[in-house]
Amino acid sequence: MFLFSLFLAACDSQSIDKGSTSTSCQNNSHCNYPNNVEVWLSDPDISPETPFTINLKLPKEAKNLSAKLEGVTMYMGFIPLQFKQTGQVWVADTMVGACSEPVMTWKMMLTYTSGDNQPQTLLYYFDSLQTR
């Protein structure tokens, strides 16, 4: 029974990695995090191999931003993200690969340094739907 519950916990796509911040928002939705951080998609309906934009709002003093996408449903390597600041919003144009599953869950792992030089890590989850 213990091993079974350990397996279930390992498969939870919303589990929080050590030292990171996640929210209870639904996949593909506009999410608000502590410290006035927001993440949202240009379109909540993501299809594989179709370009979309990830938007990010960070505190003014944030620096050393890096981000990547990883498959949760199925590991497919990682996709580095390059955010560019336009006013108050950071924007990354990207796309995700096709998978054999009808719904693929992805995790964006975002790291940055706060104004007090503390490293911050945020997790954001979204789904891509196979279109046939």
C-alpha atoms as a PDB file:
ATOM      1  CA  MET A   1       0.000   0.000   0.000  1.00  0.00           C
ATOM      2  CA  PHE A   2       2.850   2.382   0.828  1.00  0.00           C
ATOM      3  CA  LEU A   3       4.461   1.882  -2.590  1.00  0.00           C
ATOM      4  CA  PHE A   4       1.121   2.455  -4.311  1.00  0.00           C
ATOM      5  CA  SER A   5       0.576   5.787  -2.527  1.00  0.00           C
ATOM      6  CA  LEU A   6       4.174   6.791  -3.303  1.00  0.00           C
ATOM      7  CA  PHE A   7       3.520   6.027  -6.980  1.00  0.00           C
ATOM      8  CA  LEU A   8       0.364   8.164  -6.971  1.00  0.00           C
ATOM      9  CA  ALA A   9       2.201  11.087  -5.396  1.00  0.00           C
ATOM     10  CA  ALA A  10       4.950  10.849  -8.025  1.00  0.00           C
ATOM     11  CA  CYS A  11       2.377  11.023 -10.843  1.00  0.00           C
ATOM     12  CA  ASP A  12       0.673  14.165  -9.550  1.00  0.00           C
ATOM     13  CA  SER A  13       1.351  16.855 -12.167  1.00  0.00           C
ATOM     14  CA  GLN A  14       0.569  19.592  -9.662  1.00  0.00           C
ATOM     15  CA  SER A  15       3.063  18.460  -7.008  1.00  0.00           C
ATOM     16  CA  ILE A  16       5.469  21.196  -6.021  1.00  0.00           C
ATOM     17  CA  ASP A  17       9.178  20.736  -6.651  1.00  0.00           C
ATOM     18  CA  LYS A  18      11.375  21.581  -3.679  1.00  0.00           C
ATOM     19  CA  GLY A  19      12.000  25.318  -3.336  1.00  0.00           C
ATOM     20  CA  SER A  20       9.436  26.333  -5.935  1.00  0.00           C
ATOM     21  CA  THR A  21       6.147  28.200  -5.922  1.00  0.00           C
ATOM     22  CA  SER A  22       3.016  26.895  -7.596  1.00  0.00           C
ATOM     23  CA  THR A  23      -0.610  27.960  -7.454  1.00  0.00           C
ATOM     24  CA  SER A  24      -3.863  26.089  -7.370  1.00  0.00           C
ATOM     25  CA  CYS A  25      -5.052  27.596 -10.651  1.00  0.00           C
ATOM     26  CA  GLN A  26      -6.277  25.341 -13.427  1.00  0.00           C
ATOM     27  CA  ASN A  27      -4.079  24.401 -16.363  1.00  0.00           C
ATOM     28  CA  ASN A  28      -4.087  26.949 -19.229  1.00  0.00           C
ATOM     29  CA  SER A  29      -5.601  29.673 -17.028  1.00  0.00           C
ATOM     30  CA  HIS A  30      -4.294  33.100 -16.030  1.00  0.00           C
ATOM     31  CA  CYS A  31      -2.391  32.462 -12.792  1.00  0.00           C
ATOM     32  CA  ASN A  32      -1.464  34.843  -9.999  1.00  0.00           C
ATOM     33  CA  TYR A  33       1.501  33.947  -7.783  1.00  0.00           C
ATOM     34  CA  PRO A  34       2.872  35.543  -4.618  1.00  0.00           C
ATOM     35  CA  ASN A  35       5.074  38.638  -5.055  1.00  0.00           C
ATOM     36  CA  ASN A  36       2.860  40.093  -7.827  1.00  0.00           C
ATOM     37  CA  VAL A  37       3.840  37.528 -10.468  1.00  0.00           C
ATOM     38  CA  GLU A  38       1.351  36.561 -13.193  1.00  0.00           C
ATOM     39  CA  VAL A  39       1.503  34.002 -16.025  1.00  0.00           C
ATOM     40  CA  TRP A  40      -0.978  33.568 -18.881  1.00  0.00           C
ATOM     41  CA  LEU A  41      -1.155  32.146 -22.395  1.00  0.00           C
ATOM     42  CA  SER A  42      -2.027  34.091 -25.548  1.00  0.00           C
ATOM     43  CA  ASP A  43      -4.710  31.464 -26.203  1.00  0.00           C
ATOM     44  CA  PRO A  44      -5.852  28.862 -23.647  1.00  0.00           C
ATOM     45  CA  ASP A  45      -6.419  26.323 -26.469  1.00  0.00           C
ATOM     46  CA  ILE A  46      -2.922  25.025 -27.245  1.00  0.00           C
ATOM     47  CA  SER A  47      -2.343  22.606 -30.128  1.00  0.00           C
ATOM     48  CA  PRO A  48       0.949  20.797 -30.762  1.00  0.00           C
ATOM     49  CA  GLU A  49       3.253  22.281 -33.410  1.00  0.00           C
ATOM     50  CA  THR A  50       1.243  25.529 -33.454  1.00  0.00           C
ATOM     51  CA  PRO A  51       2.940  28.758 -32.262  1.00  0.00           C
ATOM     52  CA  PHE A  52       1.625  30.476 -29.128  1.00  0.00           C
ATOM     53  CA  THR A  53       2.839  33.057 -26.628  1.00  0.00           C
ATOM     54  CA  ILE A  54       3.482  32.788 -22.894  1.00  0.00           C
ATOM     55  CA  ASN A  55       3.084  36.098 -21.050  1.00  0.00           C
ATOM     56  CA  LEU A  56       4.673  36.918 -17.735  1.00  0.00           C
ATOM     57  CA  LYS A  57       4.452  39.806 -15.318  1.00  0.00           C
ATOM     58  CA  LEU A  58       7.293  40.070 -12.786  1.00  0.00           C
ATOM     59  CA  PRO A  59       8.284  42.574 -10.110  1.00  0.00           C
ATOM     60  CA  LYS A  60      10.330  45.468 -11.558  1.00  0.00           C
ATOM     61  CA  GLU A  61      13.459  44.411  -9.684  1.00  0.00           C
ATOM     62  CA  ALA A  62      13.465  40.820 -11.079  1.00  0.00           C
ATOM     63  CA  LYS A  63      16.609  39.795 -12.976  1.00  0.00           C
ATOM     64  CA  ASN A  64      18.451  36.733 -14.325  1.00  0.00           C
ATOM     65  CA  LEU A  65      15.290  35.274 -15.861  1.00  0.00           C
ATOM     66  CA  SER A  66      15.430  31.761 -17.338  1.00  0.00           C
ATOM     67  CA  ALA A  67      12.660  29.352 -18.280  1.00  0.00           C
ATOM     68  CA  LYS A  68      12.048  26.000 -19.921  1.00  0.00           C
ATOM     69  CA  LEU A  69       9.142  23.726 -20.808  1.00  0.00           C
ATOM     70  CA  GLU A  70       9.086  20.025 -19.902  1.00  0.00           C
ATOM     71  CA  GLY A  71       6.548  17.354 -20.700  1.00  0.00           C
ATOM     72  CA  VAL A  72       4.689  16.004 -17.668  1.00  0.00           C
ATOM     73  CA  THR A  73       2.453  13.387 -19.290  1.00  0.00           C
ATOM     74  CA  MET A  74       5.397  12.070 -21.265  1.00  0.00           C
ATOM     75  CA  TYR A  75       9.017  13.214 -21.060  1.00  0.00           C
ATOM     76  CA  MET A  76      10.063  14.794 -24.356  1.00  0.00           C
ATOM     77  CA  GLY A  77      13.210  16.627 -23.297  1.00  0.00           C
ATOM     78  CA  PHE A  78      12.942  20.328 -22.588  1.00  0.00           C
ATOM     79  CA  ILE A  79      12.252  23.435 -24.634  1.00  0.00           C
ATOM     80  CA  PRO A  80      14.199  26.559 -23.603  1.00  0.00           C
ATOM     81  CA  LEU A  81      12.181  29.784 -23.542  1.00  0.00           C
ATOM     82  CA  GLN A  82      13.535  33.218 -24.425  1.00  0.00           C
ATOM     83  CA  PHE A  83      11.469  35.955 -22.784  1.00  0.00           C
ATOM     84  CA  LYS A  84      11.666  39.518 -24.114  1.00  0.00           C
ATOM     85  CA  GLN A  85      10.399  42.433 -22.076  1.00  0.00           C
ATOM     86  CA  THR A  86       7.812  44.720 -23.660  1.00  0.00           C
ATOM     87  CA  GLY A  87       6.819  47.333 -21.105  1.00  0.00           C
ATOM     88  CA  GLN A  88       5.601  45.614 -17.924  1.00  0.00           C
ATOM     89  CA  VAL A  89       5.119  42.223 -19.630  1.00  0.00           C
ATOM     90  CA  TRP A  90       7.676  39.575 -20.580  1.00  0.00           C
ATOM     91  CA  VAL A  91       6.747  37.586 -23.707  1.00  0.00           C
ATOM     92  CA  ALA A  92       8.045  34.253 -25.069  1.00  0.00           C
ATOM     93  CA  ASP A  93       6.957  32.873 -28.444  1.00  0.00           C
ATOM     94  CA  THR A  94       7.096  29.084 -28.505  1.00  0.00           C
ATOM     95  CA  MET A  95       5.420  25.847 -29.556  1.00  0.00           C
ATOM     96  CA  VAL A  96       5.274  22.320 -28.196  1.00  0.00           C
ATOM     97  CA  GLY A  97       5.741  18.990 -29.949  1.00  0.00           C
ATOM     98  CA  ALA A  98       3.151  16.382 -30.793  1.00  0.00           C
ATOM     99  CA  CYS A  99       2.740  13.407 -28.499  1.00  0.00           C
ATOM    100  CA  SER A 100       0.933  10.070 -28.794  1.00  0.00           C
ATOM    101  CA  GLU A 101      -1.440  11.083 -25.971  1.00  0.00           C
ATOM    102  CA  PRO A 102      -4.660  12.997 -26.834  1.00  0.00           C
ATOM    103  CA  VAL A 103      -3.922  15.502 -24.022  1.00  0.00           C
ATOM    104  CA  MET A 104      -0.344  16.356 -23.118  1.00  0.00           C
ATOM    105  CA  THR A 105       0.398  18.280 -19.907  1.00  0.00           C
ATOM    106  CA  TRP A 106       3.423  20.606 -19.933  1.00  0.00           C
ATOM    107  CA  LYS A 107       5.228  22.349 -17.090  1.00  0.00           C
ATOM    108  CA  MET A 108       6.996  25.676 -17.407  1.00  0.00           C
ATOM    109  CA  MET A 109       9.750  26.074 -14.843  1.00  0.00           C
ATOM    110  CA  LEU A 110      10.690  29.721 -14.448  1.00  0.00           C
ATOM    111  CA  THR A 111      13.575  30.985 -12.325  1.00  0.00           C
ATOM    112  CA  TYR A 112      14.635  34.535 -11.570  1.00  0.00           C
ATOM    113  CA  THR A 113      16.409  36.534  -8.906  1.00  0.00           C
ATOM    114  CA  SER A 114      14.280  38.837  -6.748  1.00  0.00           C
ATOM    115  CA  GLY A 115      15.230  42.350  -5.677  1.00  0.00           C
ATOM    116  CA  ASP A 116      16.796  40.998  -2.478  1.00  0.00           C
ATOM    117  CA  ASN A 117      18.968  38.593  -4.580  1.00  0.00           C
ATOM    118  CA  GLN A 118      16.954  35.535  -3.565  1.00  0.00           C
ATOM    119  CA  PRO A 119      16.421  32.885  -6.260  1.00  0.00           C
ATOM    120  CA  GLN A 120      12.749  32.300  -7.101  1.00  0.00           C
ATOM    121  CA  THR A 121      11.280  29.338  -9.003  1.00  0.00           C
ATOM    122  CA  LEU A 122       7.713  29.222 -10.337  1.00  0.00           C
ATOM    123  CA  LEU A 123       5.841  26.334 -11.942  1.00  0.00           C
ATOM    124  CA  TYR A 124       3.057  26.837 -14.477  1.00  0.00           C
ATOM    125  CA  TYR A 125       1.113  23.947 -16.051  1.00  0.00           C
ATOM    126  CA  PHE A 126      -0.813  23.832 -19.313  1.00  0.00           C
ATOM    127  CA  ASP A 127      -2.291  21.220 -21.637  1.00  0.00           C
ATOM    128  CA  SER A 128      -1.994  20.807 -25.390  1.00  0.00           C
ATOM    129  CA  LEU A 129      -4.758  18.954 -27.213  1.00  0.00           C
ATOM    130  CA  GLN A 130      -4.074  16.723 -30.205  1.00  0.00           C
ATOM    131  CA  THR A 131      -6.249  17.674 -33.133  1.00  0.00           C
ATOM    132  CA  ARG A 132      -6.981  14.900 -35.590  1.00  0.00           C
END
